Amino acid sequence: QVRLVESGGGSEQAGGSLRLSCVASGDTGNYHRYNVGWFRQAPGKEREAVAVIEICGDTSVADSVKGRFTISKDVDKNTLYLQMDSLKPDDTGMYSCAARGRVYNCGRAELTPNGYQYWGQGTQVTVSS
């Protein structure tokens, strides 16, 4: 069982920056065996993948945030990060981290929430114009 706790959300003006963190507990000795990612959901919209990292380091970032958001993880700290720069009002939403594992073979980082069995509660990001 893996527990995920996000932090770092808040209100920011367009053009500003936020850094989200997601700390994992539970099966942390095998954190490197989990594909992890950030997902967001805006009011009235479906959840969408923002950025994901698979166990061997392959990453994928949604076109809508490419060049502005950076995903990274620190295996020693069991923590996933999302650096968000040049924020836009369209970035507003509930941001959640998720983990899927254990995974033992390298693969492609796919931008889909399907298959992730562990989810955090989410952290709200609000960007004003």
C-alpha atoms as a PDB file:
ATOM      1  CA  GLN A   1       0.000   0.000   0.000  1.00  0.00           C
ATOM      2  CA  VAL A   2       1.296   3.435  -0.940  1.00  0.00           C
ATOM      3  CA  ARG A   3       0.089   6.723   0.508  1.00  0.00           C
ATOM      4  CA  LEU A   4       0.638   9.939  -1.414  1.00  0.00           C
ATOM      5  CA  VAL A   5       0.424  13.444   0.014  1.00  0.00           C
ATOM      6  CA  GLU A   6       0.617  16.523  -2.182  1.00  0.00           C
ATOM      7  CA  SER A   7       1.573  20.051  -1.183  1.00  0.00           C
ATOM      8  CA  GLY A   8       2.536  23.328  -2.787  1.00  0.00           C
ATOM      9  CA  GLY A   9      -0.701  24.395  -4.404  1.00  0.00           C
ATOM     10  CA  GLY A  10      -2.167  27.841  -3.986  1.00  0.00           C
ATOM     11  CA  SER A  11      -3.236  30.978  -5.794  1.00  0.00           C
ATOM     12  CA  GLU A  12      -0.952  32.661  -8.249  1.00  0.00           C
ATOM     13  CA  GLN A  13      -1.211  35.303 -10.919  1.00  0.00           C
ATOM     14  CA  ALA A  14      -0.691  34.503 -14.575  1.00  0.00           C
ATOM     15  CA  GLY A  15       2.990  34.332 -15.359  1.00  0.00           C
ATOM     16  CA  GLY A  16       3.911  33.198 -11.880  1.00  0.00           C
ATOM     17  CA  SER A  17       5.349  29.922 -10.644  1.00  0.00           C
ATOM     18  CA  LEU A  18       4.448  27.168  -8.215  1.00  0.00           C
ATOM     19  CA  ARG A  19       6.222  23.985  -7.209  1.00  0.00           C
ATOM     20  CA  LEU A  20       4.152  20.971  -6.247  1.00  0.00           C
ATOM     21  CA  SER A  21       5.498  18.127  -4.151  1.00  0.00           C
ATOM     22  CA  CYS A  22       4.154  14.627  -3.604  1.00  0.00           C
ATOM     23  CA  VAL A  23       5.618  12.572  -0.791  1.00  0.00           C
ATOM     24  CA  ALA A  24       5.113   8.818  -0.818  1.00  0.00           C
ATOM     25  CA  SER A  25       4.936   6.545   2.198  1.00  0.00           C
ATOM     26  CA  GLY A  26       4.314   2.845   2.525  1.00  0.00           C
ATOM     27  CA  ASP A  27       6.255   0.747   0.027  1.00  0.00           C
ATOM     28  CA  THR A  28       8.961   3.408  -0.092  1.00  0.00           C
ATOM     29  CA  GLY A  29      11.842   0.973  -0.271  1.00  0.00           C
ATOM     30  CA  ASN A  30      10.546   0.230  -3.761  1.00  0.00           C
ATOM     31  CA  TYR A  31       9.595   3.775  -4.786  1.00  0.00           C
ATOM     32  CA  HIS A  32      11.928   3.406  -7.764  1.00  0.00           C
ATOM     33  CA  ARG A  33       9.632   0.623  -8.980  1.00  0.00           C
ATOM     34  CA  TYR A  34       6.655   2.894  -9.431  1.00  0.00           C
ATOM     35  CA  ASN A  35       5.620   4.868 -12.449  1.00  0.00           C
ATOM     36  CA  VAL A  36       4.497   8.229 -11.118  1.00  0.00           C
ATOM     37  CA  GLY A  37       2.766  11.244 -12.494  1.00  0.00           C
ATOM     38  CA  TRP A  38       0.807  14.428 -12.053  1.00  0.00           C
ATOM     39  CA  PHE A  39      -2.779  14.796 -13.161  1.00  0.00           C
ATOM     40  CA  ARG A  40      -5.237  17.648 -12.981  1.00  0.00           C
ATOM     41  CA  GLN A  41      -8.947  18.193 -13.146  1.00  0.00           C
ATOM     42  CA  ALA A  42     -10.643  21.494 -13.817  1.00  0.00           C
ATOM     43  CA  PRO A  43     -14.274  22.106 -12.844  1.00  0.00           C
ATOM     44  CA  GLY A  44     -16.600  20.438 -15.319  1.00  0.00           C
ATOM     45  CA  LYS A  45     -13.767  18.691 -17.121  1.00  0.00           C
ATOM     46  CA  GLU A  46     -12.322  15.216 -17.072  1.00  0.00           C
ATOM     47  CA  ARG A  47      -9.099  14.416 -15.318  1.00  0.00           C
ATOM     48  CA  GLU A  48      -6.116  14.792 -17.623  1.00  0.00           C
ATOM     49  CA  ALA A  49      -2.505  13.734 -17.414  1.00  0.00           C
ATOM     50  CA  VAL A  50      -0.039  16.579 -17.021  1.00  0.00           C
ATOM     51  CA  ALA A  51       3.302  14.786 -16.795  1.00  0.00           C
ATOM     52  CA  VAL A  52       4.491  11.279 -15.995  1.00  0.00           C
ATOM     53  CA  ILE A  53       7.791   9.512 -15.315  1.00  0.00           C
ATOM     54  CA  GLU A  54       8.265   5.787 -15.763  1.00  0.00           C
ATOM     55  CA  ILE A  55      10.763   3.750 -13.726  1.00  0.00           C
ATOM     56  CA  CYS A  56      13.662   4.055 -16.162  1.00  0.00           C
ATOM     57  CA  GLY A  57      13.326   7.812 -16.481  1.00  0.00           C
ATOM     58  CA  ASP A  58      11.277   8.204 -19.634  1.00  0.00           C
ATOM     59  CA  THR A  59       9.032  11.227 -19.224  1.00  0.00           C
ATOM     60  CA  SER A  60       6.039  12.617 -21.055  1.00  0.00           C
ATOM     61  CA  VAL A  61       4.564  16.073 -20.690  1.00  0.00           C
ATOM     62  CA  ALA A  62       1.222  17.236 -22.031  1.00  0.00           C
ATOM     63  CA  ASP A  63       1.407  19.586 -24.999  1.00  0.00           C
ATOM     64  CA  SER A  64      -0.586  22.200 -23.085  1.00  0.00           C
ATOM     65  CA  VAL A  65       2.189  22.573 -20.497  1.00  0.00           C
ATOM     66  CA  LYS A  66       5.270  21.619 -22.481  1.00  0.00           C
ATOM     67  CA  GLY A  67       8.060  24.118 -22.022  1.00  0.00           C
ATOM     68  CA  ARG A  68       6.420  25.503 -18.874  1.00  0.00           C
ATOM     69  CA  PHE A  69       6.103  22.531 -16.495  1.00  0.00           C
ATOM     70  CA  THR A  70       8.882  20.175 -15.433  1.00  0.00           C
ATOM     71  CA  ILE A  71       8.387  16.855 -13.672  1.00  0.00           C
ATOM     72  CA  SER A  72      11.119  15.317 -11.564  1.00  0.00           C
ATOM     73  CA  LYS A  73      11.508  12.848  -8.741  1.00  0.00           C
ATOM     74  CA  ASP A  74      13.913  12.241  -5.901  1.00  0.00           C
ATOM     75  CA  VAL A  75      13.984   8.526  -5.159  1.00  0.00           C
ATOM     76  CA  ASP A  76      15.990   9.018  -1.961  1.00  0.00           C
ATOM     77  CA  LYS A  77      13.268  11.314  -0.612  1.00  0.00           C
ATOM     78  CA  ASN A  78      10.364   9.331  -2.116  1.00  0.00           C
ATOM     79  CA  THR A  79       9.155  12.594  -3.562  1.00  0.00           C
ATOM     80  CA  LEU A  80       7.744  13.657  -6.903  1.00  0.00           C
ATOM     81  CA  TYR A  81       7.839  17.285  -8.000  1.00  0.00           C
ATOM     82  CA  LEU A  82       6.114  19.453 -10.570  1.00  0.00           C
ATOM     83  CA  GLN A  83       7.721  22.802 -11.276  1.00  0.00           C
ATOM     84  CA  MET A  84       5.144  25.033 -12.906  1.00  0.00           C
ATOM     85  CA  ASP A  85       6.346  28.231 -14.564  1.00  0.00           C
ATOM     86  CA  SER A  86       4.605  30.803 -16.747  1.00  0.00           C
ATOM     87  CA  LEU A  87       1.278  29.812 -15.270  1.00  0.00           C
ATOM     88  CA  LYS A  88      -1.894  30.501 -17.199  1.00  0.00           C
ATOM     89  CA  PRO A  89      -5.514  30.722 -16.024  1.00  0.00           C
ATOM     90  CA  ASP A  90      -6.182  27.493 -17.943  1.00  0.00           C
ATOM     91  CA  ASP A  91      -3.811  25.737 -15.533  1.00  0.00           C
ATOM     92  CA  THR A  92      -6.376  26.153 -12.759  1.00  0.00           C
ATOM     93  CA  GLY A  93      -7.526  22.881 -11.276  1.00  0.00           C
ATOM     94  CA  MET A  94      -7.050  20.197  -8.675  1.00  0.00           C
ATOM     95  CA  TYR A  95      -3.636  18.618  -9.110  1.00  0.00           C
ATOM     96  CA  SER A  96      -3.129  15.060  -7.935  1.00  0.00           C
ATOM     97  CA  CYS A  97      -0.156  12.771  -7.967  1.00  0.00           C
ATOM     98  CA  ALA A  98      -0.489   9.071  -8.615  1.00  0.00           C
ATOM     99  CA  ALA A  99       1.652   5.944  -8.590  1.00  0.00           C
ATOM    100  CA  ARG A 100       1.444   2.664 -10.434  1.00  0.00           C
ATOM    101  CA  GLY A 101       3.511  -0.317  -9.467  1.00  0.00           C
ATOM    102  CA  ARG A 102       5.435  -2.228  -8.811  1.00  0.00           C
ATOM    103  CA  VAL A 103       6.890  -2.097 -12.330  1.00  0.00           C
ATOM    104  CA  TYR A 104       9.942  -4.172 -13.250  1.00  0.00           C
ATOM    105  CA  ASN A 105      10.401  -3.473 -16.956  1.00  0.00           C
ATOM    106  CA  CYS A 106      11.236  -0.206 -18.654  1.00  0.00           C
ATOM    107  CA  GLY A 107       8.508   1.180 -20.815  1.00  0.00           C
ATOM    108  CA  ARG A 108       7.088   4.355 -22.260  1.00  0.00           C
ATOM    109  CA  ALA A 109       5.690   7.082 -20.083  1.00  0.00           C
ATOM    110  CA  GLU A 110       2.118   7.322 -21.272  1.00  0.00           C
ATOM    111  CA  LEU A 111      -0.074  10.328 -20.646  1.00  0.00           C
ATOM    112  CA  THR A 112      -3.085   8.542 -19.233  1.00  0.00           C
ATOM    113  CA  PRO A 113      -4.518   8.188 -15.717  1.00  0.00           C
ATOM    114  CA  ASN A 114      -5.458   4.581 -16.477  1.00  0.00           C
ATOM    115  CA  GLY A 115      -3.699   1.941 -14.447  1.00  0.00           C
ATOM    116  CA  TYR A 116      -2.651   4.105 -11.524  1.00  0.00           C
ATOM    117  CA  GLN A 117      -3.861   2.458  -8.352  1.00  0.00           C
ATOM    118  CA  TYR A 118      -2.590   4.946  -5.770  1.00  0.00           C
ATOM    119  CA  TRP A 119      -3.775   8.544  -5.689  1.00  0.00           C
ATOM    120  CA  GLY A 120      -3.216  11.505  -3.418  1.00  0.00           C
ATOM    121  CA  GLN A 121      -5.991  13.780  -2.191  1.00  0.00           C
ATOM    122  CA  GLY A 122      -4.920  16.606  -4.445  1.00  0.00           C
ATOM    123  CA  THR A 123      -3.799  20.197  -4.070  1.00  0.00           C
ATOM    124  CA  GLN A 124      -5.694  23.119  -5.588  1.00  0.00           C
ATOM    125  CA  VAL A 125      -3.982  25.447  -8.039  1.00  0.00           C
ATOM    126  CA  THR A 126      -5.738  28.667  -8.988  1.00  0.00           C
ATOM    127  CA  VAL A 127      -4.282  31.037 -11.550  1.00  0.00           C
ATOM    128  CA  SER A 128      -5.812  34.460 -12.016  1.00  0.00           C
ATOM    129  CA  SER A 129      -5.404  36.707 -15.018  1.00  0.00           C
END
